[in-house]
């Protein structure tokens, strides 16, 4: 077992691409990921899992079919399984995601913003 802390700022400084989560740690059957977001993502849902967004920097709005939630640094929101949502970043946003291993970022939507699995920072 590693006995060194995960430096999220250092991990985030290691890449520049947006909407491409990077695994930085594992917790049981879950992965802790860091991601940089910019602009609007795609509407999608994850039928089998909830999805946690924790904003480290910037402002993230999560559009839902019945409203929206805005998050600033230090705030988190959990999108319940099966709920359609569309993340929108005001400028560049740095965030942490906690999801079960194997979750695809675009959920049921697919498309060109589907990120390849990347655990190179773990």
PDB file of N, CA and C in Angstrom:
ATOM      1  N   UNK A   1       0.841  -1.181   0.000  1.00  0.00           N
ATOM      2  CA  UNK A   1       0.000   0.000   0.000  1.00  0.00           C
ATOM      3  C   UNK A   1       0.889   1.249   0.000  1.00  0.00           C
ATOM      4  N   UNK A   2       0.606   2.142  -0.934  1.00  0.00           N
ATOM      5  CA  UNK A   2       1.371   3.396  -1.013  1.00  0.00           C
ATOM      6  C   UNK A   2       1.064   4.257   0.198  1.00  0.00           C
ATOM      7  N   UNK A   3       2.081   4.920   0.700  1.00  0.00           N
ATOM      8  CA  UNK A   3       1.909   5.789   1.876  1.00  0.00           C
ATOM      9  C   UNK A   3       2.203   7.241   1.537  1.00  0.00           C
ATOM     10  N   UNK A   4       1.893   7.605   0.313  1.00  0.00           N
ATOM     11  CA  UNK A   4       2.075   8.989  -0.099  1.00  0.00           C
ATOM     12  C   UNK A   4       0.715   9.565  -0.496  1.00  0.00           C
ATOM     13  N   UNK A   5       0.463  10.815  -0.148  1.00  0.00           N
ATOM     14  CA  UNK A   5      -0.822  11.420  -0.515  1.00  0.00           C
ATOM     15  C   UNK A   5      -0.899  11.680  -2.015  1.00  0.00           C
ATOM     16  N   UNK A   6      -2.098  11.728  -2.517  1.00  0.00           N
ATOM     17  CA  UNK A   6      -2.335  12.095  -3.910  1.00  0.00           C
ATOM     18  C   UNK A   6      -2.435  13.615  -3.954  1.00  0.00           C
ATOM     19  N   UNK A   7      -1.554  14.243  -4.699  1.00  0.00           N
ATOM     20  CA  UNK A   7      -1.547  15.702  -4.849  1.00  0.00           C
ATOM     21  C   UNK A   7      -2.407  16.044  -6.071  1.00  0.00           C
ATOM     22  N   UNK A   8      -3.638  16.458  -5.817  1.00  0.00           N
ATOM     23  CA  UNK A   8      -4.573  16.696  -6.915  1.00  0.00           C
ATOM     24  C   UNK A   8      -4.111  17.806  -7.849  1.00  0.00           C
ATOM     25  N   UNK A   9      -3.535  18.863  -7.306  1.00  0.00           N
ATOM     26  CA  UNK A   9      -3.045  19.958  -8.149  1.00  0.00           C
ATOM     27  C   UNK A   9      -1.935  19.467  -9.072  1.00  0.00           C
ATOM     28  N   UNK A  10      -1.042  18.642  -8.548  1.00  0.00           N
ATOM     29  CA  UNK A  10       0.044  18.112  -9.373  1.00  0.00           C
ATOM     30  C   UNK A  10      -0.510  17.188 -10.461  1.00  0.00           C
ATOM     31  N   UNK A  11      -1.475  16.359 -10.103  1.00  0.00           N
ATOM     32  CA  UNK A  11      -2.083  15.465 -11.091  1.00  0.00           C
ATOM     33  C   UNK A  11      -2.774  16.272 -12.195  1.00  0.00           C
ATOM     34  N   UNK A  12      -3.491  17.322 -11.808  1.00  0.00           N
ATOM     35  CA  UNK A  12      -4.182  18.155 -12.795  1.00  0.00           C
ATOM     36  C   UNK A  12      -3.203  18.909 -13.691  1.00  0.00           C
ATOM     37  N   UNK A  13      -2.025  19.234 -13.172  1.00  0.00           N
ATOM     38  CA  UNK A  13      -1.044  19.956 -13.984  1.00  0.00           C
ATOM     39  C   UNK A  13      -0.374  19.049 -15.017  1.00  0.00           C
ATOM     40  N   UNK A  14      -0.601  17.755 -14.933  1.00  0.00           N
ATOM     41  CA  UNK A  14       0.056  16.792 -15.821  1.00  0.00           C
ATOM     42  C   UNK A  14      -0.638  16.637 -17.177  1.00  0.00           C
ATOM     43  N   UNK A  15      -1.793  17.281 -17.365  1.00  0.00           N
ATOM     44  CA  UNK A  15      -2.496  17.150 -18.645  1.00  0.00           C
ATOM     45  C   UNK A  15      -3.280  18.425 -18.929  1.00  0.00           C
ATOM     46  N   UNK A  16      -3.702  18.583 -20.181  1.00  0.00           N
ATOM     47  CA  UNK A  16      -4.435  19.790 -20.559  1.00  0.00           C
ATOM     48  C   UNK A  16      -5.758  19.494 -21.258  1.00  0.00           C
ATOM     49  N   UNK A  17      -6.015  18.249 -21.643  1.00  0.00           N
ATOM     50  CA  UNK A  17      -7.233  17.945 -22.389  1.00  0.00           C
ATOM     51  C   UNK A  17      -8.470  18.042 -21.502  1.00  0.00           C
ATOM     52  N   UNK A  18      -9.582  18.417 -22.130  1.00  0.00           N
ATOM     53  CA  UNK A  18     -10.850  18.586 -21.432  1.00  0.00           C
ATOM     54  C   UNK A  18     -11.751  17.377 -21.641  1.00  0.00           C
ATOM     55  N   UNK A  19     -12.621  17.144 -20.654  1.00  0.00           N
ATOM     56  CA  UNK A  19     -13.618  16.083 -20.706  1.00  0.00           C
ATOM     57  C   UNK A  19     -12.982  14.705 -20.812  1.00  0.00           C
ATOM     58  N   UNK A  20     -11.793  14.535 -20.271  1.00  0.00           N
ATOM     59  CA  UNK A  20     -11.063  13.267 -20.344  1.00  0.00           C
ATOM     60  C   UNK A  20     -10.571  12.885 -18.943  1.00  0.00           C
ATOM     61  N   UNK A  21     -11.429  12.251 -18.135  1.00  0.00           N
ATOM     62  CA  UNK A  21     -11.076  11.927 -16.751  1.00  0.00           C
ATOM     63  C   UNK A  21      -9.850  11.021 -16.661  1.00  0.00           C
ATOM     64  N   UNK A  22      -9.032  11.287 -15.638  1.00  0.00           N
ATOM     65  CA  UNK A  22      -7.825  10.498 -15.373  1.00  0.00           C
ATOM     66  C   UNK A  22      -7.944   9.872 -13.981  1.00  0.00           C
ATOM     67  N   UNK A  23      -7.772   8.570 -13.895  1.00  0.00           N
ATOM     68  CA  UNK A  23      -7.815   7.872 -12.613  1.00  0.00           C
ATOM     69  C   UNK A  23      -6.570   8.261 -11.809  1.00  0.00           C
ATOM     70  N   UNK A  24      -6.790   8.669 -10.539  1.00  0.00           N
ATOM     71  CA  UNK A  24      -5.664   9.008  -9.666  1.00  0.00           C
ATOM     72  C   UNK A  24      -5.603   8.120  -8.429  1.00  0.00           C
ATOM     73  N   UNK A  25      -6.688   7.389  -8.156  1.00  0.00           N
ATOM     74  CA  UNK A  25      -6.707   6.487  -6.999  1.00  0.00           C
ATOM     75  C   UNK A  25      -7.871   5.513  -7.154  1.00  0.00           C
ATOM     76  N   UNK A  26      -7.803   4.428  -6.386  1.00  0.00           N
ATOM     77  CA  UNK A  26      -8.870   3.433  -6.383  1.00  0.00           C
ATOM     78  C   UNK A  26      -9.343   3.217  -4.953  1.00  0.00           C
ATOM     79  N   UNK A  27     -10.620   2.971  -4.818  1.00  0.00           N
ATOM     80  CA  UNK A  27     -11.245   2.738  -3.529  1.00  0.00           C
ATOM     81  C   UNK A  27     -12.248   1.606  -3.710  1.00  0.00           C
ATOM     82  N   UNK A  28     -11.886   0.415  -3.241  1.00  0.00           N
ATOM     83  CA  UNK A  28     -12.719  -0.769  -3.460  1.00  0.00           C
ATOM     84  C   UNK A  28     -13.000  -0.919  -4.953  1.00  0.00           C
ATOM     85  N   UNK A  29     -14.259  -0.910  -5.354  1.00  0.00           N
ATOM     86  CA  UNK A  29     -14.615  -1.048  -6.764  1.00  0.00           C
ATOM     87  C   UNK A  29     -14.856   0.302  -7.434  1.00  0.00           C
ATOM     88  N   UNK A  30     -14.357   1.369  -6.800  1.00  0.00           N
ATOM     89  CA  UNK A  30     -14.539   2.724  -7.312  1.00  0.00           C
ATOM     90  C   UNK A  30     -13.211   3.322  -7.742  1.00  0.00           C
ATOM     91  N   UNK A  31     -13.308   4.317  -8.618  1.00  0.00           N
ATOM     92  CA  UNK A  31     -12.132   5.073  -9.031  1.00  0.00           C
ATOM     93  C   UNK A  31     -12.337   6.538  -8.701  1.00  0.00           C
ATOM     94  N   UNK A  32     -11.260   7.162  -8.243  1.00  0.00           N
ATOM     95  CA  UNK A  32     -11.231   8.601  -8.020  1.00  0.00           C
ATOM     96  C   UNK A  32     -10.528   9.182  -9.242  1.00  0.00           C
ATOM     97  N   UNK A  33     -11.197  10.117  -9.917  1.00  0.00           N
ATOM     98  CA  UNK A  33     -10.669  10.679 -11.158  1.00  0.00           C
ATOM     99  C   UNK A  33     -10.579  12.190 -11.038  1.00  0.00           C
ATOM    100  N   UNK A  34      -9.597  12.780 -11.716  1.00  0.00           N
ATOM    101  CA  UNK A  34      -9.551  14.227 -11.876  1.00  0.00           C
ATOM    102  C   UNK A  34      -9.858  14.527 -13.339  1.00  0.00           C
ATOM    103  N   UNK A  35     -10.444  15.685 -13.562  1.00  0.00           N
ATOM    104  CA  UNK A  35     -10.848  16.048 -14.907  1.00  0.00           C
ATOM    105  C   UNK A  35     -10.838  17.563 -15.048  1.00  0.00           C
ATOM    106  N   UNK A  36     -10.512  18.012 -16.241  1.00  0.00           N
ATOM    107  CA  UNK A  36     -10.632  19.424 -16.607  1.00  0.00           C
ATOM    108  C   UNK A  36     -11.812  19.537 -17.556  1.00  0.00           C
ATOM    109  N   UNK A  37     -12.666  20.513 -17.300  1.00  0.00           N
ATOM    110  CA  UNK A  37     -13.875  20.705 -18.086  1.00  0.00           C
ATOM    111  C   UNK A  37     -13.874  22.102 -18.678  1.00  0.00           C
ATOM    112  N   UNK A  38     -14.419  22.235 -19.865  1.00  0.00           N
ATOM    113  CA  UNK A  38     -14.564  23.545 -20.507  1.00  0.00           C
ATOM    114  C   UNK A  38     -15.742  23.476 -21.465  1.00  0.00           C
ATOM    115  N   UNK A  39     -16.636  24.444 -21.355  1.00  0.00           N
ATOM    116  CA  UNK A  39     -17.786  24.497 -22.242  1.00  0.00           C
ATOM    117  C   UNK A  39     -18.870  23.510 -21.845  1.00  0.00           C
ATOM    118  N   UNK A  40     -19.675  23.126 -22.815  1.00  0.00           N
ATOM    119  CA  UNK A  40     -20.829  22.257 -22.578  1.00  0.00           C
ATOM    120  C   UNK A  40     -20.522  20.828 -22.993  1.00  0.00           C
ATOM    121  N   UNK A  41     -20.933  19.878 -22.162  1.00  0.00           N
ATOM    122  CA  UNK A  41     -20.775  18.451 -22.452  1.00  0.00           C
ATOM    123  C   UNK A  41     -22.015  17.974 -23.203  1.00  0.00           C
ATOM    124  N   UNK A  42     -22.311  16.703 -23.174  1.00  0.00           N
ATOM    125  CA  UNK A  42     -23.495  16.136 -23.824  1.00  0.00           C
ATOM    126  C   UNK A  42     -24.513  15.724 -22.757  1.00  0.00           C
ATOM    127  N   UNK A  43     -25.780  15.778 -23.133  1.00  0.00           N
ATOM    128  CA  UNK A  43     -26.821  15.232 -22.257  1.00  0.00           C
ATOM    129  C   UNK A  43     -26.652  13.724 -22.212  1.00  0.00           C
ATOM    130  N   UNK A  44     -26.658  13.162 -21.003  1.00  0.00           N
ATOM    131  CA  UNK A  44     -26.491  11.719 -20.862  1.00  0.00           C
ATOM    132  C   UNK A  44     -26.978  11.260 -19.497  1.00  0.00           C
ATOM    133  N   UNK A  45     -27.030   9.958 -19.314  1.00  0.00           N
ATOM    134  CA  UNK A  45     -27.380   9.358 -18.022  1.00  0.00           C
ATOM    135  C   UNK A  45     -26.498   8.137 -17.817  1.00  0.00           C
ATOM    136  N   UNK A  46     -26.349   7.771 -16.568  1.00  0.00           N
ATOM    137  CA  UNK A  46     -25.661   6.528 -16.191  1.00  0.00           C
ATOM    138  C   UNK A  46     -26.723   5.662 -15.511  1.00  0.00           C
ATOM    139  N   UNK A  47     -27.200   4.654 -16.223  1.00  0.00           N
ATOM    140  CA  UNK A  47     -28.320   3.855 -15.731  1.00  0.00           C
ATOM    141  C   UNK A  47     -27.984   3.009 -14.510  1.00  0.00           C
ATOM    142  N   UNK A  48     -26.704   2.683 -14.324  1.00  0.00           N
ATOM    143  CA  UNK A  48     -26.332   1.745 -13.263  1.00  0.00           C
ATOM    144  C   UNK A  48     -25.627   2.365 -12.075  1.00  0.00           C
ATOM    145  N   UNK A  49     -25.396   3.671 -12.077  1.00  0.00           N
ATOM    146  CA  UNK A  49     -24.632   4.252 -10.981  1.00  0.00           C
ATOM    147  C   UNK A  49     -24.921   5.730 -10.778  1.00  0.00           C
ATOM    148  N   UNK A  50     -24.756   6.173  -9.540  1.00  0.00           N
ATOM    149  CA  UNK A  50     -24.745   7.594  -9.237  1.00  0.00           C
ATOM    150  C   UNK A  50     -23.401   8.150  -9.710  1.00  0.00           C
ATOM    151  N   UNK A  51     -23.296   9.477  -9.815  1.00  0.00           N
ATOM    152  CA  UNK A  51     -22.039  10.102 -10.226  1.00  0.00           C
ATOM    153  C   UNK A  51     -21.783  11.316  -9.337  1.00  0.00           C
ATOM    154  N   UNK A  52     -20.610  11.352  -8.697  1.00  0.00           N
ATOM    155  CA  UNK A  52     -20.252  12.450  -7.802  1.00  0.00           C
ATOM    156  C   UNK A  52     -19.337  13.426  -8.516  1.00  0.00           C
ATOM    157  N   UNK A  53     -19.681  14.713  -8.457  1.00  0.00           N
ATOM    158  CA  UNK A  53     -18.859  15.808  -8.967  1.00  0.00           C
ATOM    159  C   UNK A  53     -18.417  16.646  -7.770  1.00  0.00           C
ATOM    160  N   UNK A  54     -17.115  16.849  -7.606  1.00  0.00           N
ATOM    161  CA  UNK A  54     -16.561  17.720  -6.575  1.00  0.00           C
ATOM    162  C   UNK A  54     -15.703  18.758  -7.277  1.00  0.00           C
ATOM    163  N   UNK A  55     -16.105  20.016  -7.221  1.00  0.00           N
ATOM    164  CA  UNK A  55     -15.398  21.089  -7.925  1.00  0.00           C
ATOM    165  C   UNK A  55     -14.224  21.571  -7.073  1.00  0.00           C
ATOM    166  N   UNK A  56     -13.048  21.625  -7.700  1.00  0.00           N
ATOM    167  CA  UNK A  56     -11.848  22.149  -7.047  1.00  0.00           C
ATOM    168  C   UNK A  56     -11.586  23.597  -7.447  1.00  0.00           C
ATOM    169  N   UNK A  57     -11.866  23.934  -8.708  1.00  0.00           N
ATOM    170  CA  UNK A  57     -11.629  25.284  -9.220  1.00  0.00           C
ATOM    171  C   UNK A  57     -12.646  25.575 -10.316  1.00  0.00           C
ATOM    172  N   UNK A  58     -13.120  26.821 -10.374  1.00  0.00           N
ATOM    173  CA  UNK A  58     -14.056  27.225 -11.408  1.00  0.00           C
ATOM    174  C   UNK A  58     -15.505  27.063 -10.979  1.00  0.00           C
ATOM    175  N   UNK A  59     -16.397  27.247 -11.941  1.00  0.00           N
ATOM    176  CA  UNK A  59     -17.836  27.119 -11.694  1.00  0.00           C
ATOM    177  C   UNK A  59     -18.424  26.117 -12.673  1.00  0.00           C
ATOM    178  N   UNK A  60     -19.096  25.114 -12.126  1.00  0.00           N
ATOM    179  CA  UNK A  60     -19.717  24.063 -12.924  1.00  0.00           C
ATOM    180  C   UNK A  60     -21.217  24.093 -12.705  1.00  0.00           C
ATOM    181  N   UNK A  61     -21.963  24.120 -13.797  1.00  0.00           N
ATOM    182  CA  UNK A  61     -23.415  24.005 -13.721  1.00  0.00           C
ATOM    183  C   UNK A  61     -23.787  22.632 -14.252  1.00  0.00           C
ATOM    184  N   UNK A  62     -24.594  21.936 -13.504  1.00  0.00           N
ATOM    185  CA  UNK A  62     -25.096  20.637 -13.962  1.00  0.00           C
ATOM    186  C   UNK A  62     -26.566  20.838 -14.305  1.00  0.00           C
ATOM    187  N   UNK A  63     -26.848  20.795 -15.598  1.00  0.00           N
ATOM    188  CA  UNK A  63     -28.225  20.935 -16.055  1.00  0.00           C
ATOM    189  C   UNK A  63     -28.928  19.600 -15.852  1.00  0.00           C
ATOM    190  N   UNK A  64     -30.135  19.681 -15.342  1.00  0.00           N
ATOM    191  CA  UNK A  64     -30.997  18.525 -15.149  1.00  0.00           C
ATOM    192  C   UNK A  64     -32.294  18.795 -15.896  1.00  0.00           C
ATOM    193  N   UNK A  65     -33.072  17.775 -16.167  1.00  0.00           N
ATOM    194  CA  UNK A  65     -34.300  17.991 -16.916  1.00  0.00           C
ATOM    195  C   UNK A  65     -35.288  18.880 -16.169  1.00  0.00           C
ATOM    196  N   UNK A  66     -35.167  18.962 -14.834  1.00  0.00           N
ATOM    197  CA  UNK A  66     -36.105  19.768 -14.050  1.00  0.00           C
ATOM    198  C   UNK A  66     -35.441  20.955 -13.357  1.00  0.00           C
ATOM    199  N   UNK A  67     -34.289  21.404 -13.885  1.00  0.00           N
ATOM    200  CA  UNK A  67     -33.599  22.545 -13.290  1.00  0.00           C
ATOM    201  C   UNK A  67     -32.102  22.424 -13.453  1.00  0.00           C
ATOM    202  N   UNK A  68     -31.352  23.109 -12.589  1.00  0.00           N
ATOM    203  CA  UNK A  68     -29.902  23.025 -12.660  1.00  0.00           C
ATOM    204  C   UNK A  68     -29.308  23.289 -11.288  1.00  0.00           C
ATOM    205  N   UNK A  69     -28.066  22.826 -11.129  1.00  0.00           N
ATOM    206  CA  UNK A  69     -27.317  22.998  -9.894  1.00  0.00           C
ATOM    207  C   UNK A  69     -25.987  23.641 -10.265  1.00  0.00           C
ATOM    208  N   UNK A  70     -25.619  24.729  -9.581  1.00  0.00           N
ATOM    209  CA  UNK A  70     -24.332  25.372  -9.821  1.00  0.00           C
ATOM    210  C   UNK A  70     -23.401  25.076  -8.658  1.00  0.00           C
ATOM    211  N   UNK A  71     -22.169  24.723  -8.988  1.00  0.00           N
ATOM    212  CA  UNK A  71     -21.165  24.349  -7.999  1.00  0.00           C
ATOM    213  C   UNK A  71     -19.937  25.224  -8.135  1.00  0.00           C
ATOM    214  N   UNK A  72     -19.412  25.654  -7.005  1.00  0.00           N
ATOM    215  CA  UNK A  72     -18.151  26.378  -6.963  1.00  0.00           C
ATOM    216  C   UNK A  72     -17.119  25.546  -6.228  1.00  0.00           C
ATOM    217  N   UNK A  73     -15.912  26.075  -6.063  1.00  0.00           N
ATOM    218  CA  UNK A  73     -14.844  25.341  -5.391  1.00  0.00           C
ATOM    219  C   UNK A  73     -15.264  24.857  -3.996  1.00  0.00           C
ATOM    220  N   UNK A  74     -14.979  23.587  -3.743  1.00  0.00           N
ATOM    221  CA  UNK A  74     -15.307  22.988  -2.456  1.00  0.00           C
ATOM    222  C   UNK A  74     -16.721  22.449  -2.364  1.00  0.00           C
ATOM    223  N   UNK A  75     -17.497  22.548  -3.453  1.00  0.00           N
ATOM    224  CA  UNK A  75     -18.867  22.048  -3.433  1.00  0.00           C
ATOM    225  C   UNK A  75     -18.977  20.783  -4.267  1.00  0.00           C
ATOM    226  N   UNK A  76     -19.876  19.892  -3.833  1.00  0.00           N
ATOM    227  CA  UNK A  76     -20.098  18.664  -4.588  1.00  0.00           C
ATOM    228  C   UNK A  76     -21.574  18.425  -4.772  1.00  0.00           C
ATOM    229  N   UNK A  77     -21.867  17.603  -5.778  1.00  0.00           N
ATOM    230  CA  UNK A  77     -23.242  17.218  -6.082  1.00  0.00           C
ATOM    231  C   UNK A  77     -23.217  15.796  -6.608  1.00  0.00           C
ATOM    232  N   UNK A  78     -24.213  15.027  -6.212  1.00  0.00           N
ATOM    233  CA  UNK A  78     -24.345  13.662  -6.696  1.00  0.00           C
ATOM    234  C   UNK A  78     -25.544  13.593  -7.639  1.00  0.00           C
ATOM    235  N   UNK A  79     -25.289  13.190  -8.868  1.00  0.00           N
ATOM    236  CA  UNK A  79     -26.350  12.951  -9.835  1.00  0.00           C
ATOM    237  C   UNK A  79     -26.778  11.501  -9.645  1.00  0.00           C
ATOM    238  N   UNK A  80     -28.030  11.298  -9.343  1.00  0.00           N
ATOM    239  CA  UNK A  80     -28.541   9.947  -9.101  1.00  0.00           C
ATOM    240  C   UNK A  80     -28.569   9.113 -10.373  1.00  0.00           C
ATOM    241  N   UNK A  81     -28.400   7.828 -10.199  1.00  0.00           N
ATOM    242  CA  UNK A  81     -28.426   6.917 -11.350  1.00  0.00           C
ATOM    243  C   UNK A  81     -29.688   7.124 -12.174  1.00  0.00           C
ATOM    244  N   UNK A  82     -29.501   7.069 -13.491  1.00  0.00           N
ATOM    245  CA  UNK A  82     -30.628   7.191 -14.402  1.00  0.00           C
ATOM    246  C   UNK A  82     -31.092   8.607 -14.681  1.00  0.00           C
ATOM    247  N   UNK A  83     -30.537   9.600 -13.988  1.00  0.00           N
ATOM    248  CA  UNK A  83     -30.965  10.989 -14.189  1.00  0.00           C
ATOM    249  C   UNK A  83     -30.165  11.614 -15.329  1.00  0.00           C
ATOM    250  N   UNK A  84     -30.888  12.099 -16.342  1.00  0.00           N
ATOM    251  CA  UNK A  84     -30.224  12.769 -17.465  1.00  0.00           C
ATOM    252  C   UNK A  84     -29.669  14.096 -16.987  1.00  0.00           C
ATOM    253  N   UNK A  85     -28.430  14.375 -17.399  1.00  0.00           N
ATOM    254  CA  UNK A  85     -27.766  15.604 -16.980  1.00  0.00           C
ATOM    255  C   UNK A  85     -26.787  16.056 -18.046  1.00  0.00           C
ATOM    256  N   UNK A  86     -26.414  17.337 -17.966  1.00  0.00           N
ATOM    257  CA  UNK A  86     -25.484  17.929 -18.916  1.00  0.00           C
ATOM    258  C   UNK A  86     -24.592  18.908 -18.164  1.00  0.00           C
ATOM    259  N   UNK A  87     -23.346  18.535 -17.888  1.00  0.00           N
ATOM    260  CA  UNK A  87     -22.421  19.460 -17.232  1.00  0.00           C
ATOM    261  C   UNK A  87     -22.009  20.594 -18.180  1.00  0.00           C
ATOM    262  N   UNK A  88     -21.937  21.801 -17.614  1.00  0.00           N
ATOM    263  CA  UNK A  88     -21.521  22.976 -18.376  1.00  0.00           C
ATOM    264  C   UNK A  88     -20.508  23.740 -17.527  1.00  0.00           C
ATOM    265  N   UNK A  89     -19.314  23.941 -18.080  1.00  0.00           N
ATOM    266  CA  UNK A  89     -18.255  24.639 -17.362  1.00  0.00           C
ATOM    267  C   UNK A  89     -18.182  26.086 -17.811  1.00  0.00           C
ATOM    268  N   UNK A  90     -18.149  26.976 -16.826  1.00  0.00           N
ATOM    269  CA  UNK A  90     -17.968  28.399 -17.094  1.00  0.00           C
ATOM    270  C   UNK A  90     -16.468  28.657 -17.040  1.00  0.00           C
ATOM    271  N   UNK A  91     -15.818  28.755 -18.194  1.00  0.00           N
ATOM    272  CA  UNK A  91     -14.355  28.798 -18.236  1.00  0.00           C
ATOM    273  C   UNK A  91     -13.825  27.394 -18.006  1.00  0.00           C
ATOM    274  N   UNK A  92     -12.618  27.290 -17.482  1.00  0.00           N
ATOM    275  CA  UNK A  92     -12.072  25.962 -17.192  1.00  0.00           C
ATOM    276  C   UNK A  92     -12.401  25.586 -15.748  1.00  0.00           C
ATOM    277  N   UNK A  93     -12.868  24.366 -15.569  1.00  0.00           N
ATOM    278  CA  UNK A  93     -13.214  23.828 -14.254  1.00  0.00           C
ATOM    279  C   UNK A  93     -12.319  22.631 -13.984  1.00  0.00           C
ATOM    280  N   UNK A  94     -11.822  22.533 -12.758  1.00  0.00           N
ATOM    281  CA  UNK A  94     -11.091  21.350 -12.304  1.00  0.00           C
ATOM    282  C   UNK A  94     -12.000  20.634 -11.324  1.00  0.00           C
ATOM    283  N   UNK A  95     -12.149  19.330 -11.495  1.00  0.00           N
ATOM    284  CA  UNK A  95     -13.082  18.586 -10.644  1.00  0.00           C
ATOM    285  C   UNK A  95     -12.555  17.189 -10.347  1.00  0.00           C
ATOM    286  N   UNK A  96     -13.138  16.612  -9.302  1.00  0.00           N
ATOM    287  CA  UNK A  96     -12.910  15.220  -8.933  1.00  0.00           C
ATOM    288  C   UNK A  96     -14.213  14.479  -9.189  1.00  0.00           C
ATOM    289  N   UNK A  97     -14.115  13.302  -9.773  1.00  0.00           N
ATOM    290  CA  UNK A  97     -15.254  12.417  -9.978  1.00  0.00           C
ATOM    291  C   UNK A  97     -14.998  11.146  -9.185  1.00  0.00           C
ATOM    292  N   UNK A  98     -16.026  10.597  -8.584  1.00  0.00           N
ATOM    293  CA  UNK A  98     -15.916   9.295  -7.935  1.00  0.00           C
ATOM    294  C   UNK A  98     -16.982   8.415  -8.548  1.00  0.00           C
ATOM    295  N   UNK A  99     -16.518   7.322  -9.182  1.00  0.00           N
ATOM    296  CA  UNK A  99     -17.409   6.458  -9.948  1.00  0.00           C
ATOM    297  C   UNK A  99     -16.942   5.017  -9.854  1.00  0.00           C
ATOM    298  N   UNK A 100     -17.858   4.061 -10.055  1.00  0.00           N
ATOM    299  CA  UNK A 100     -17.419   2.669 -10.123  1.00  0.00           C
ATOM    300  C   UNK A 100     -16.450   2.460 -11.291  1.00  0.00           C
ATOM    301  N   UNK A 101     -15.560   1.538 -11.145  1.00  0.00           N
ATOM    302  CA  UNK A 101     -14.625   1.206 -12.216  1.00  0.00           C
ATOM    303  C   UNK A 101     -15.398   0.880 -13.492  1.00  0.00           C
ATOM    304  N   UNK A 102     -14.934   1.434 -14.600  1.00  0.00           N
ATOM    305  CA  UNK A 102     -15.519   1.117 -15.899  1.00  0.00           C
ATOM    306  C   UNK A 102     -16.590   2.062 -16.387  1.00  0.00           C
ATOM    307  N   UNK A 103     -16.954   3.079 -15.606  1.00  0.00           N
ATOM    308  CA  UNK A 103     -17.987   4.014 -16.050  1.00  0.00           C
ATOM    309  C   UNK A 103     -17.457   4.828 -17.225  1.00  0.00           C
ATOM    310  N   UNK A 104     -18.267   4.924 -18.266  1.00  0.00           N
ATOM    311  CA  UNK A 104     -17.918   5.707 -19.453  1.00  0.00           C
ATOM    312  C   UNK A 104     -18.435   7.125 -19.252  1.00  0.00           C
ATOM    313  N   UNK A 105     -17.599   8.120 -19.531  1.00  0.00           N
ATOM    314  CA  UNK A 105     -17.957   9.504 -19.221  1.00  0.00           C
ATOM    315  C   UNK A 105     -19.216   9.994 -19.924  1.00  0.00           C
ATOM    316  N   UNK A 106     -19.509   9.504 -21.112  1.00  0.00           N
ATOM    317  CA  UNK A 106     -20.691   9.954 -21.842  1.00  0.00           C
ATOM    318  C   UNK A 106     -21.916   9.083 -21.571  1.00  0.00           C
ATOM    319  N   UNK A 107     -21.806   8.145 -20.649  1.00  0.00           N
ATOM    320  CA  UNK A 107     -22.953   7.317 -20.279  1.00  0.00           C
ATOM    321  C   UNK A 107     -23.626   6.689 -21.474  1.00  0.00           C
ATOM    322  N   UNK A 108     -24.944   6.898 -21.578  1.00  0.00           N
ATOM    323  CA  UNK A 108     -25.723   6.289 -22.655  1.00  0.00           C
ATOM    324  C   UNK A 108     -25.666   7.068 -23.965  1.00  0.00           C
ATOM    325  N   UNK A 109     -24.984   8.223 -23.966  1.00  0.00           N
ATOM    326  CA  UNK A 109     -24.979   9.075 -25.159  1.00  0.00           C
ATOM    327  C   UNK A 109     -23.918   8.682 -26.182  1.00  0.00           C
ATOM    328  N   UNK A 110     -22.748   8.211 -25.721  1.00  0.00           N
ATOM    329  CA  UNK A 110     -21.652   7.922 -26.647  1.00  0.00           C
ATOM    330  C   UNK A 110     -21.216   9.176 -27.375  1.00  0.00           C
ATOM    331  N   UNK A 111     -20.588   8.999 -28.526  1.00  0.00           N
ATOM    332  CA  UNK A 111     -20.213  10.132 -29.355  1.00  0.00           C
ATOM    333  C   UNK A 111     -18.761  10.542 -29.231  1.00  0.00           C
ATOM    334  N   UNK A 112     -18.398  11.651 -29.893  1.00  0.00           N
ATOM    335  CA  UNK A 112     -16.999  12.059 -29.991  1.00  0.00           C
ATOM    336  C   UNK A 112     -16.368  12.503 -28.675  1.00  0.00           C
ATOM    337  N   UNK A 113     -17.157  12.831 -27.651  1.00  0.00           N
ATOM    338  CA  UNK A 113     -16.580  13.230 -26.369  1.00  0.00           C
ATOM    339  C   UNK A 113     -16.329  12.044 -25.433  1.00  0.00           C
ATOM    340  N   UNK A 114     -16.600  10.835 -25.915  1.00  0.00           N
ATOM    341  CA  UNK A 114     -16.315   9.654 -25.100  1.00  0.00           C
ATOM    342  C   UNK A 114     -14.807   9.540 -24.928  1.00  0.00           C
ATOM    343  N   UNK A 115     -14.378   9.569 -23.669  1.00  0.00           N
ATOM    344  CA  UNK A 115     -12.943   9.534 -23.355  1.00  0.00           C
ATOM    345  C   UNK A 115     -12.450   8.098 -23.295  1.00  0.00           C
ATOM    346  N   UNK A 116     -11.207   7.901 -23.717  1.00  0.00           N
ATOM    347  CA  UNK A 116     -10.599   6.588 -23.547  1.00  0.00           C
ATOM    348  C   UNK A 116     -10.257   6.419 -22.076  1.00  0.00           C
ATOM    349  N   UNK A 117     -10.225   5.193 -21.621  1.00  0.00           N
ATOM    350  CA  UNK A 117      -9.892   4.902 -20.229  1.00  0.00           C
ATOM    351  C   UNK A 117      -8.436   5.306 -19.988  1.00  0.00           C
ATOM    352  N   UNK A 118      -8.194   6.069 -18.929  1.00  0.00           N
ATOM    353  CA  UNK A 118      -6.834   6.563 -18.660  1.00  0.00           C
ATOM    354  C   UNK A 118      -6.524   6.452 -17.168  1.00  0.00           C
ATOM    355  N   UNK A 119      -5.687   5.478 -16.830  1.00  0.00           N
ATOM    356  CA  UNK A 119      -5.245   5.337 -15.441  1.00  0.00           C
ATOM    357  C   UNK A 119      -3.750   5.615 -15.322  1.00  0.00           C
ATOM    358  N   UNK A 120      -3.220   6.408 -16.250  1.00  0.00           N
ATOM    359  CA  UNK A 120      -1.782   6.688 -16.282  1.00  0.00           C
ATOM    360  C   UNK A 120      -1.314   7.542 -15.100  1.00  0.00           C
ATOM    361  N   UNK A 121      -2.227   8.205 -14.398  1.00  0.00           N
ATOM    362  CA  UNK A 121      -1.837   9.034 -13.265  1.00  0.00           C
ATOM    363  C   UNK A 121      -2.084   8.348 -11.919  1.00  0.00           C
ATOM    364  N   UNK A 122      -2.540   7.095 -11.974  1.00  0.00           N
ATOM    365  CA  UNK A 122      -2.841   6.365 -10.727  1.00  0.00           C
ATOM    366  C   UNK A 122      -1.570   5.931 -10.028  1.00  0.00           C
TER     367      UNK A 122
END
